[in-house]
Amino acid sequence: MELAKITSKGQITLPINIRRALKLKDGDKVAFMEINGQYVLTNPTMLAIQQVQDAFSGFAEKRGLETEEDVAALIRKHRDERAE
């Protein structure tokens, strides 16, 4: 368990172990999420990446994409269509 003290302005300093675990750097933002009545601190960038991955889960199988070359070909096709 890690503790942080709240200043009179409502600020806290995240312990180094927490910053490292969340891969946070100077200037990064953090997100507070309520889950089942408890608040969880998370890295919003990593959360956004996970949400995108979840949204595209199963897409490759549905489109018959089996290799990186298949994906590259699909991207080229869409770029060509947009260029027209």
PDB file of N, CA and C in Angstrom:
ATOM      1  N   MET A   1       0.854  -1.177   0.000  1.00  0.00           N
ATOM      2  CA  MET A   1       0.000   0.000   0.000  1.00  0.00           C
ATOM      3  C   MET A   1       0.895   1.234   0.000  1.00  0.00           C
ATOM      4  N   GLU A   2       0.515   2.198  -0.808  1.00  0.00           N
ATOM      5  CA  GLU A   2       1.229   3.474  -0.879  1.00  0.00           C
ATOM      6  C   GLU A   2       0.303   4.569  -0.370  1.00  0.00           C
ATOM      7  N   LEU A   3       0.854   5.551   0.317  1.00  0.00           N
ATOM      8  CA  LEU A   3       0.076   6.676   0.837  1.00  0.00           C
ATOM      9  C   LEU A   3       0.565   7.975   0.215  1.00  0.00           C
ATOM     10  N   ALA A   4      -0.344   8.924   0.079  1.00  0.00           N
ATOM     11  CA  ALA A   4      -0.007  10.268  -0.389  1.00  0.00           C
ATOM     12  C   ALA A   4      -0.769  11.259   0.478  1.00  0.00           C
ATOM     13  N   LYS A   5      -0.123  12.343   0.821  1.00  0.00           N
ATOM     14  CA  LYS A   5      -0.729  13.378   1.645  1.00  0.00           C
ATOM     15  C   LYS A   5      -1.359  14.439   0.741  1.00  0.00           C
ATOM     16  N   ILE A   6      -2.551  14.909   1.118  1.00  0.00           N
ATOM     17  CA  ILE A   6      -3.252  15.937   0.353  1.00  0.00           C
ATOM     18  C   ILE A   6      -2.880  17.302   0.921  1.00  0.00           C
ATOM     19  N   THR A   7      -2.488  18.222   0.042  1.00  0.00           N
ATOM     20  CA  THR A   7      -2.144  19.580   0.481  1.00  0.00           C
ATOM     21  C   THR A   7      -3.417  20.397   0.665  1.00  0.00           C
ATOM     22  N   SER A   8      -3.256  21.615   1.171  1.00  0.00           N
ATOM     23  CA  SER A   8      -4.406  22.498   1.373  1.00  0.00           C
ATOM     24  C   SER A   8      -5.077  22.865   0.049  1.00  0.00           C
ATOM     25  N   LYS A   9      -4.356  22.730  -1.064  1.00  0.00           N
ATOM     26  CA  LYS A   9      -4.916  23.009  -2.388  1.00  0.00           C
ATOM     27  C   LYS A   9      -5.503  21.752  -3.039  1.00  0.00           C
ATOM     28  N   GLY A  10      -5.547  20.636  -2.309  1.00  0.00           N
ATOM     29  CA  GLY A  10      -6.099  19.405  -2.849  1.00  0.00           C
ATOM     30  C   GLY A  10      -5.141  18.635  -3.731  1.00  0.00           C
ATOM     31  N   GLN A  11      -3.867  18.959  -3.669  1.00  0.00           N
ATOM     32  CA  GLN A  11      -2.874  18.297  -4.513  1.00  0.00           C
ATOM     33  C   GLN A  11      -2.225  17.141  -3.764  1.00  0.00           C
ATOM     34  N   ILE A  12      -1.784  16.152  -4.538  1.00  0.00           N
ATOM     35  CA  ILE A  12      -1.029  15.045  -3.959  1.00  0.00           C
ATOM     36  C   ILE A  12       0.211  14.800  -4.816  1.00  0.00           C
ATOM     37  N   THR A  13       1.207  14.172  -4.229  1.00  0.00           N
ATOM     38  CA  THR A  13       2.367  13.709  -4.975  1.00  0.00           C
ATOM     39  C   THR A  13       2.245  12.198  -5.048  1.00  0.00           C
ATOM     40  N   LEU A  14       2.210  11.670  -6.280  1.00  0.00           N
ATOM     41  CA  LEU A  14       2.108  10.229  -6.439  1.00  0.00           C
ATOM     42  C   LEU A  14       3.451   9.590  -6.111  1.00  0.00           C
ATOM     43  N   PRO A  15       3.442   8.567  -5.290  1.00  0.00           N
ATOM     44  CA  PRO A  15       4.695   7.874  -4.983  1.00  0.00           C
ATOM     45  C   PRO A  15       5.349   7.334  -6.253  1.00  0.00           C
ATOM     46  N   ILE A  16       6.665   7.291  -6.248  1.00  0.00           N
ATOM     47  CA  ILE A  16       7.428   6.874  -7.432  1.00  0.00           C
ATOM     48  C   ILE A  16       7.025   5.480  -7.910  1.00  0.00           C
ATOM     49  N   ASN A  17       6.750   4.573  -6.994  1.00  0.00           N
ATOM     50  CA  ASN A  17       6.359   3.216  -7.402  1.00  0.00           C
ATOM     51  C   ASN A  17       5.056   3.215  -8.197  1.00  0.00           C
ATOM     52  N   ILE A  18       4.137   4.093  -7.826  1.00  0.00           N
ATOM     53  CA  ILE A  18       2.860   4.202  -8.545  1.00  0.00           C
ATOM     54  C   ILE A  18       3.100   4.813  -9.924  1.00  0.00           C
ATOM     55  N   ARG A  19       3.912   5.880  -9.972  1.00  0.00           N
ATOM     56  CA  ARG A  19       4.214   6.512 -11.270  1.00  0.00           C
ATOM     57  C   ARG A  19       4.880   5.529 -12.215  1.00  0.00           C
ATOM     58  N   ARG A  20       5.793   4.737 -11.705  1.00  0.00           N
ATOM     59  CA  ARG A  20       6.469   3.743 -12.552  1.00  0.00           C
ATOM     60  C   ARG A  20       5.494   2.668 -13.017  1.00  0.00           C
ATOM     61  N   ALA A  21       4.655   2.182 -12.120  1.00  0.00           N
ATOM     62  CA  ALA A  21       3.702   1.129 -12.476  1.00  0.00           C
ATOM     63  C   ALA A  21       2.734   1.598 -13.558  1.00  0.00           C
ATOM     64  N   LEU A  22       2.350   2.877 -13.499  1.00  0.00           N
ATOM     65  CA  LEU A  22       1.418   3.438 -14.485  1.00  0.00           C
ATOM     66  C   LEU A  22       2.128   4.032 -15.697  1.00  0.00           C
ATOM     67  N   LYS A  23       3.479   3.955 -15.690  1.00  0.00           N
ATOM     68  CA  LYS A  23       4.292   4.510 -16.786  1.00  0.00           C
ATOM     69  C   LYS A  23       3.987   5.987 -17.007  1.00  0.00           C
ATOM     70  N   LEU A  24       3.934   6.747 -15.910  1.00  0.00           N
ATOM     71  CA  LEU A  24       3.650   8.181 -15.974  1.00  0.00           C
ATOM     72  C   LEU A  24       4.936   8.979 -16.004  1.00  0.00           C
ATOM     73  N   LYS A  25       4.920  10.067 -16.797  1.00  0.00           N
ATOM     74  CA  LYS A  25       6.053  10.976 -16.884  1.00  0.00           C
ATOM     75  C   LYS A  25       5.590  12.369 -16.462  1.00  0.00           C
ATOM     76  N   ASP A  26       6.547  13.280 -16.278  1.00  0.00           N
ATOM     77  CA  ASP A  26       6.212  14.667 -15.944  1.00  0.00           C
ATOM     78  C   ASP A  26       5.239  15.218 -16.978  1.00  0.00           C
ATOM     79  N   GLY A  27       4.183  15.857 -16.514  1.00  0.00           N
ATOM     80  CA  GLY A  27       3.216  16.474 -17.401  1.00  0.00           C
ATOM     81  C   GLY A  27       2.072  15.561 -17.819  1.00  0.00           C
ATOM     82  N   ASP A  28       2.188  14.249 -17.570  1.00  0.00           N
ATOM     83  CA  ASP A  28       1.098  13.328 -17.907  1.00  0.00           C
ATOM     84  C   ASP A  28      -0.117  13.620 -17.034  1.00  0.00           C
ATOM     85  N   LYS A  29      -1.262  13.199 -17.515  1.00  0.00           N
ATOM     86  CA  LYS A  29      -2.495  13.320 -16.743  1.00  0.00           C
ATOM     87  C   LYS A  29      -2.870  11.951 -16.214  1.00  0.00           C
ATOM     88  N   VAL A  30      -3.674  11.937 -15.163  1.00  0.00           N
ATOM     89  CA  VAL A  30      -4.189  10.688 -14.620  1.00  0.00           C
ATOM     90  C   VAL A  30      -5.706  10.762 -14.619  1.00  0.00           C
ATOM     91  N   ALA A  31      -6.328   9.599 -14.632  1.00  0.00           N
ATOM     92  CA  ALA A  31      -7.788   9.522 -14.603  1.00  0.00           C
ATOM     93  C   ALA A  31      -8.212   8.812 -13.326  1.00  0.00           C
ATOM     94  N   PHE A  32      -9.304   9.286 -12.738  1.00  0.00           N
ATOM     95  CA  PHE A  32      -9.892   8.649 -11.574  1.00  0.00           C
ATOM     96  C   PHE A  32     -11.213   8.043 -12.024  1.00  0.00           C
ATOM     97  N   MET A  33     -11.338   6.733 -11.862  1.00  0.00           N
ATOM     98  CA  MET A  33     -12.544   6.031 -12.291  1.00  0.00           C
ATOM     99  C   MET A  33     -13.226   5.421 -11.080  1.00  0.00           C
ATOM    100  N   GLU A  34     -14.550   5.527 -11.058  1.00  0.00           N
ATOM    101  CA  GLU A  34     -15.315   4.903  -9.982  1.00  0.00           C
ATOM    102  C   GLU A  34     -15.748   3.521 -10.458  1.00  0.00           C
ATOM    103  N   ILE A  35     -15.355   2.509  -9.715  1.00  0.00           N
ATOM    104  CA  ILE A  35     -15.699   1.127 -10.044  1.00  0.00           C
ATOM    105  C   ILE A  35     -16.249   0.469  -8.785  1.00  0.00           C
ATOM    106  N   ASN A  36     -17.524   0.129  -8.824  1.00  0.00           N
ATOM    107  CA  ASN A  36     -18.163  -0.538  -7.687  1.00  0.00           C
ATOM    108  C   ASN A  36     -17.952   0.213  -6.374  1.00  0.00           C
ATOM    109  N   GLY A  37     -18.098   1.523  -6.409  1.00  0.00           N
ATOM    110  CA  GLY A  37     -18.002   2.326  -5.199  1.00  0.00           C
ATOM    111  C   GLY A  37     -16.586   2.649  -4.754  1.00  0.00           C
ATOM    112  N   GLN A  38     -15.585   2.214  -5.502  1.00  0.00           N
ATOM    113  CA  GLN A  38     -14.198   2.538  -5.167  1.00  0.00           C
ATOM    114  C   GLN A  38     -13.595   3.336  -6.311  1.00  0.00           C
ATOM    115  N   TYR A  39     -12.681   4.236  -5.974  1.00  0.00           N
ATOM    116  CA  TYR A  39     -12.025   5.042  -7.002  1.00  0.00           C
ATOM    117  C   TYR A  39     -10.666   4.443  -7.336  1.00  0.00           C
ATOM    118  N   VAL A  40     -10.419   4.366  -8.630  1.00  0.00           N
ATOM    119  CA  VAL A  40      -9.192   3.771  -9.143  1.00  0.00           C
ATOM    120  C   VAL A  40      -8.450   4.837  -9.939  1.00  0.00           C
ATOM    121  N   LEU A  41      -7.162   4.942  -9.713  1.00  0.00           N
ATOM    122  CA  LEU A  41      -6.293   5.865 -10.443  1.00  0.00           C
ATOM    123  C   LEU A  41      -5.703   5.105 -11.619  1.00  0.00           C
ATOM    124  N   THR A  42      -5.770   5.691 -12.806  1.00  0.00           N
ATOM    125  CA  THR A  42      -5.239   5.007 -13.982  1.00  0.00           C
ATOM    126  C   THR A  42      -4.594   6.008 -14.936  1.00  0.00           C
ATOM    127  N   ASN A  43      -3.828   5.481 -15.850  1.00  0.00           N
ATOM    128  CA  ASN A  43      -3.201   6.269 -16.903  1.00  0.00           C
ATOM    129  C   ASN A  43      -4.205   6.367 -18.047  1.00  0.00           C
ATOM    130  N   PRO A  44      -4.730   7.561 -18.360  1.00  0.00           N
ATOM    131  CA  PRO A  44      -5.769   7.670 -19.388  1.00  0.00           C
ATOM    132  C   PRO A  44      -5.300   7.270 -20.784  1.00  0.00           C
ATOM    133  N   THR A  45      -4.023   7.425 -21.069  1.00  0.00           N
ATOM    134  CA  THR A  45      -3.504   7.012 -22.372  1.00  0.00           C
ATOM    135  C   THR A  45      -3.613   5.501 -22.517  1.00  0.00           C
ATOM    136  N   MET A  46      -3.190   4.786 -21.486  1.00  0.00           N
ATOM    137  CA  MET A  46      -3.264   3.327 -21.526  1.00  0.00           C
ATOM    138  C   MET A  46      -4.725   2.875 -21.561  1.00  0.00           C
ATOM    139  N   LEU A  47      -5.590   3.590 -20.865  1.00  0.00           N
ATOM    140  CA  LEU A  47      -7.013   3.271 -20.866  1.00  0.00           C
ATOM    141  C   LEU A  47      -7.595   3.445 -22.267  1.00  0.00           C
ATOM    142  N   ALA A  48      -7.226   4.532 -22.940  1.00  0.00           N
ATOM    143  CA  ALA A  48      -7.719   4.788 -24.298  1.00  0.00           C
ATOM    144  C   ALA A  48      -7.239   3.710 -25.263  1.00  0.00           C
ATOM    145  N   ILE A  49      -5.993   3.312 -25.139  1.00  0.00           N
ATOM    146  CA  ILE A  49      -5.459   2.249 -26.000  1.00  0.00           C
ATOM    147  C   ILE A  49      -6.237   0.953 -25.777  1.00  0.00           C
ATOM    148  N   GLN A  50      -6.503   0.630 -24.517  1.00  0.00           N
ATOM    149  CA  GLN A  50      -7.259  -0.585 -24.206  1.00  0.00           C
ATOM    150  C   GLN A  50      -8.670  -0.518 -24.790  1.00  0.00           C
ATOM    151  N   GLN A  51      -9.297   0.652 -24.723  1.00  0.00           N
ATOM    152  CA  GLN A  51     -10.641   0.796 -25.270  1.00  0.00           C
ATOM    153  C   GLN A  51     -10.648   0.614 -26.788  1.00  0.00           C
ATOM    154  N   VAL A  52      -9.635   1.123 -27.462  1.00  0.00           N
ATOM    155  CA  VAL A  52      -9.532   0.949 -28.916  1.00  0.00           C
ATOM    156  C   VAL A  52      -9.311  -0.524 -29.242  1.00  0.00           C
ATOM    157  N   GLN A  53      -8.421  -1.168 -28.487  1.00  0.00           N
ATOM    158  CA  GLN A  53      -8.185  -2.593 -28.718  1.00  0.00           C
ATOM    159  C   GLN A  53      -9.470  -3.395 -28.526  1.00  0.00           C
ATOM    160  N   ASP A  54     -10.213  -3.078 -27.488  1.00  0.00           N
ATOM    161  CA  ASP A  54     -11.472  -3.774 -27.231  1.00  0.00           C
ATOM    162  C   ASP A  54     -12.476  -3.547 -28.367  1.00  0.00           C
ATOM    163  N   ALA A  55     -12.516  -2.300 -28.866  1.00  0.00           N
ATOM    164  CA  ALA A  55     -13.458  -1.963 -29.934  1.00  0.00           C
ATOM    165  C   ALA A  55     -13.146  -2.729 -31.221  1.00  0.00           C
ATOM    166  N   PHE A  56     -11.869  -2.998 -31.473  1.00  0.00           N
ATOM    167  CA  PHE A  56     -11.475  -3.690 -32.694  1.00  0.00           C
ATOM    168  C   PHE A  56     -11.294  -5.196 -32.498  1.00  0.00           C
ATOM    169  N   SER A  57     -11.571  -5.672 -31.320  1.00  0.00           N
ATOM    170  CA  SER A  57     -11.433  -7.099 -31.045  1.00  0.00           C
ATOM    171  C   SER A  57     -12.303  -7.912 -32.001  1.00  0.00           C
ATOM    172  N   GLY A  58     -11.701  -8.867 -32.677  1.00  0.00           N
ATOM    173  CA  GLY A  58     -12.429  -9.718 -33.609  1.00  0.00           C
ATOM    174  C   GLY A  58     -12.525  -9.168 -35.022  1.00  0.00           C
ATOM    175  N   PHE A  59     -12.104  -7.917 -35.228  1.00  0.00           N
ATOM    176  CA  PHE A  59     -12.212  -7.293 -36.552  1.00  0.00           C
ATOM    177  C   PHE A  59     -11.403  -8.058 -37.598  1.00  0.00           C
ATOM    178  N   ALA A  60     -10.184  -8.429 -37.256  1.00  0.00           N
ATOM    179  CA  ALA A  60      -9.313  -9.118 -38.221  1.00  0.00           C
ATOM    180  C   ALA A  60      -9.931 -10.434 -38.664  1.00  0.00           C
ATOM    181  N   GLU A  61     -10.462 -11.180 -37.711  1.00  0.00           N
ATOM    182  CA  GLU A  61     -11.070 -12.455 -38.059  1.00  0.00           C
ATOM    183  C   GLU A  61     -12.277 -12.257 -38.969  1.00  0.00           C
ATOM    184  N   LYS A  62     -13.100 -11.263 -38.668  1.00  0.00           N
ATOM    185  CA  LYS A  62     -14.289 -10.995 -39.479  1.00  0.00           C
ATOM    186  C   LYS A  62     -13.918 -10.606 -40.907  1.00  0.00           C
ATOM    187  N   ARG A  63     -12.795  -9.891 -41.057  1.00  0.00           N
ATOM    188  CA  ARG A  63     -12.368  -9.424 -42.382  1.00  0.00           C
ATOM    189  C   ARG A  63     -11.441 -10.411 -43.089  1.00  0.00           C
ATOM    190  N   GLY A  64     -11.136 -11.518 -42.424  1.00  0.00           N
ATOM    191  CA  GLY A  64     -10.264 -12.522 -43.032  1.00  0.00           C
ATOM    192  C   GLY A  64      -8.804 -12.115 -43.068  1.00  0.00           C
ATOM    193  N   LEU A  65      -8.393 -11.241 -42.161  1.00  0.00           N
ATOM    194  CA  LEU A  65      -7.008 -10.791 -42.102  1.00  0.00           C
ATOM    195  C   LEU A  65      -6.204 -11.754 -41.234  1.00  0.00           C
ATOM    196  N   GLU A  66      -5.201 -12.381 -41.844  1.00  0.00           N
ATOM    197  CA  GLU A  66      -4.416 -13.371 -41.113  1.00  0.00           C
ATOM    198  C   GLU A  66      -2.973 -12.948 -40.891  1.00  0.00           C
ATOM    199  N   THR A  67      -2.449 -12.059 -41.724  1.00  0.00           N
ATOM    200  CA  THR A  67      -1.046 -11.660 -41.620  1.00  0.00           C
ATOM    201  C   THR A  67      -0.934 -10.137 -41.609  1.00  0.00           C
ATOM    202  N   GLU A  68       0.256  -9.667 -41.282  1.00  0.00           N
ATOM    203  CA  GLU A  68       0.507  -8.220 -41.340  1.00  0.00           C
ATOM    204  C   GLU A  68       0.387  -7.717 -42.773  1.00  0.00           C
ATOM    205  N   GLU A  69       0.738  -8.551 -43.722  1.00  0.00           N
ATOM    206  CA  GLU A  69       0.619  -8.174 -45.130  1.00  0.00           C
ATOM    207  C   GLU A  69      -0.847  -7.962 -45.506  1.00  0.00           C
ATOM    208  N   ASP A  70      -1.741  -8.796 -44.952  1.00  0.00           N
ATOM    209  CA  ASP A  70      -3.181  -8.620 -45.196  1.00  0.00           C
ATOM    210  C   ASP A  70      -3.650  -7.272 -44.671  1.00  0.00           C
ATOM    211  N   VAL A  71      -3.183  -6.903 -43.493  1.00  0.00           N
ATOM    212  CA  VAL A  71      -3.563  -5.622 -42.886  1.00  0.00           C
ATOM    213  C   VAL A  71      -3.018  -4.474 -43.729  1.00  0.00           C
ATOM    214  N   ALA A  72      -1.747  -4.580 -44.140  1.00  0.00           N
ATOM    215  CA  ALA A  72      -1.143  -3.530 -44.967  1.00  0.00           C
ATOM    216  C   ALA A  72      -1.898  -3.366 -46.282  1.00  0.00           C
ATOM    217  N   ALA A  73      -2.326  -4.466 -46.878  1.00  0.00           N
ATOM    218  CA  ALA A  73      -3.076  -4.403 -48.129  1.00  0.00           C
ATOM    219  C   ALA A  73      -4.426  -3.714 -47.927  1.00  0.00           C
ATOM    220  N   LEU A  74      -5.090  -4.006 -46.815  1.00  0.00           N
ATOM    221  CA  LEU A  74      -6.367  -3.355 -46.517  1.00  0.00           C
ATOM    222  C   LEU A  74      -6.176  -1.846 -46.329  1.00  0.00           C
ATOM    223  N   ILE A  75      -5.114  -1.467 -45.643  1.00  0.00           N
ATOM    224  CA  ILE A  75      -4.828  -0.039 -45.434  1.00  0.00           C
ATOM    225  C   ILE A  75      -4.557   0.645 -46.768  1.00  0.00           C
ATOM    226  N   ARG A  76      -3.743   0.013 -47.625  1.00  0.00           N
ATOM    227  CA  ARG A  76      -3.459   0.593 -48.947  1.00  0.00           C
ATOM    228  C   ARG A  76      -4.752   0.769 -49.754  1.00  0.00           C
ATOM    229  N   LYS A  77      -5.614  -0.244 -49.695  1.00  0.00           N
ATOM    230  CA  LYS A  77      -6.884  -0.182 -50.426  1.00  0.00           C
ATOM    231  C   LYS A  77      -7.711   1.015 -49.968  1.00  0.00           C
ATOM    232  N   HIS A  78      -7.831   1.204 -48.663  1.00  0.00           N
ATOM    233  CA  HIS A  78      -8.627   2.317 -48.142  1.00  0.00           C
ATOM    234  C   HIS A  78      -7.984   3.666 -48.453  1.00  0.00           C
ATOM    235  N   ARG A  79      -6.672   3.731 -48.406  1.00  0.00           N
ATOM    236  CA  ARG A  79      -5.991   4.988 -48.755  1.00  0.00           C
ATOM    237  C   ARG A  79      -6.216   5.327 -50.218  1.00  0.00           C
ATOM    238  N   ASP A  80      -6.135   4.319 -51.077  1.00  0.00           N
ATOM    239  CA  ASP A  80      -6.357   4.541 -52.507  1.00  0.00           C
ATOM    240  C   ASP A  80      -7.781   5.021 -52.756  1.00  0.00           C
ATOM    241  N   GLU A  81      -8.756   4.411 -52.052  1.00  0.00           N
ATOM    242  CA  GLU A  81     -10.143   4.807 -52.221  1.00  0.00           C
ATOM    243  C   GLU A  81     -10.373   6.251 -51.768  1.00  0.00           C
ATOM    244  N   ARG A  82      -9.717   6.659 -50.685  1.00  0.00           N
ATOM    245  CA  ARG A  82      -9.879   8.029 -50.187  1.00  0.00           C
ATOM    246  C   ARG A  82      -9.200   9.033 -51.095  1.00  0.00           C
ATOM    247  N   ALA A  83      -8.147   8.614 -51.779  1.00  0.00           N
ATOM    248  CA  ALA A  83      -7.404   9.522 -52.662  1.00  0.00           C
ATOM    249  C   ALA A  83      -8.184   9.816 -53.936  1.00  0.00           C
ATOM    250  N   GLU A  84      -9.088   8.928 -54.291  1.00  0.00           N
ATOM    251  CA  GLU A  84      -9.857   9.117 -55.545  1.00  0.00           C
ATOM    252  C   GLU A  84     -10.871  10.217 -55.460  1.00  0.00           C
TER     253      GLU A  84
END
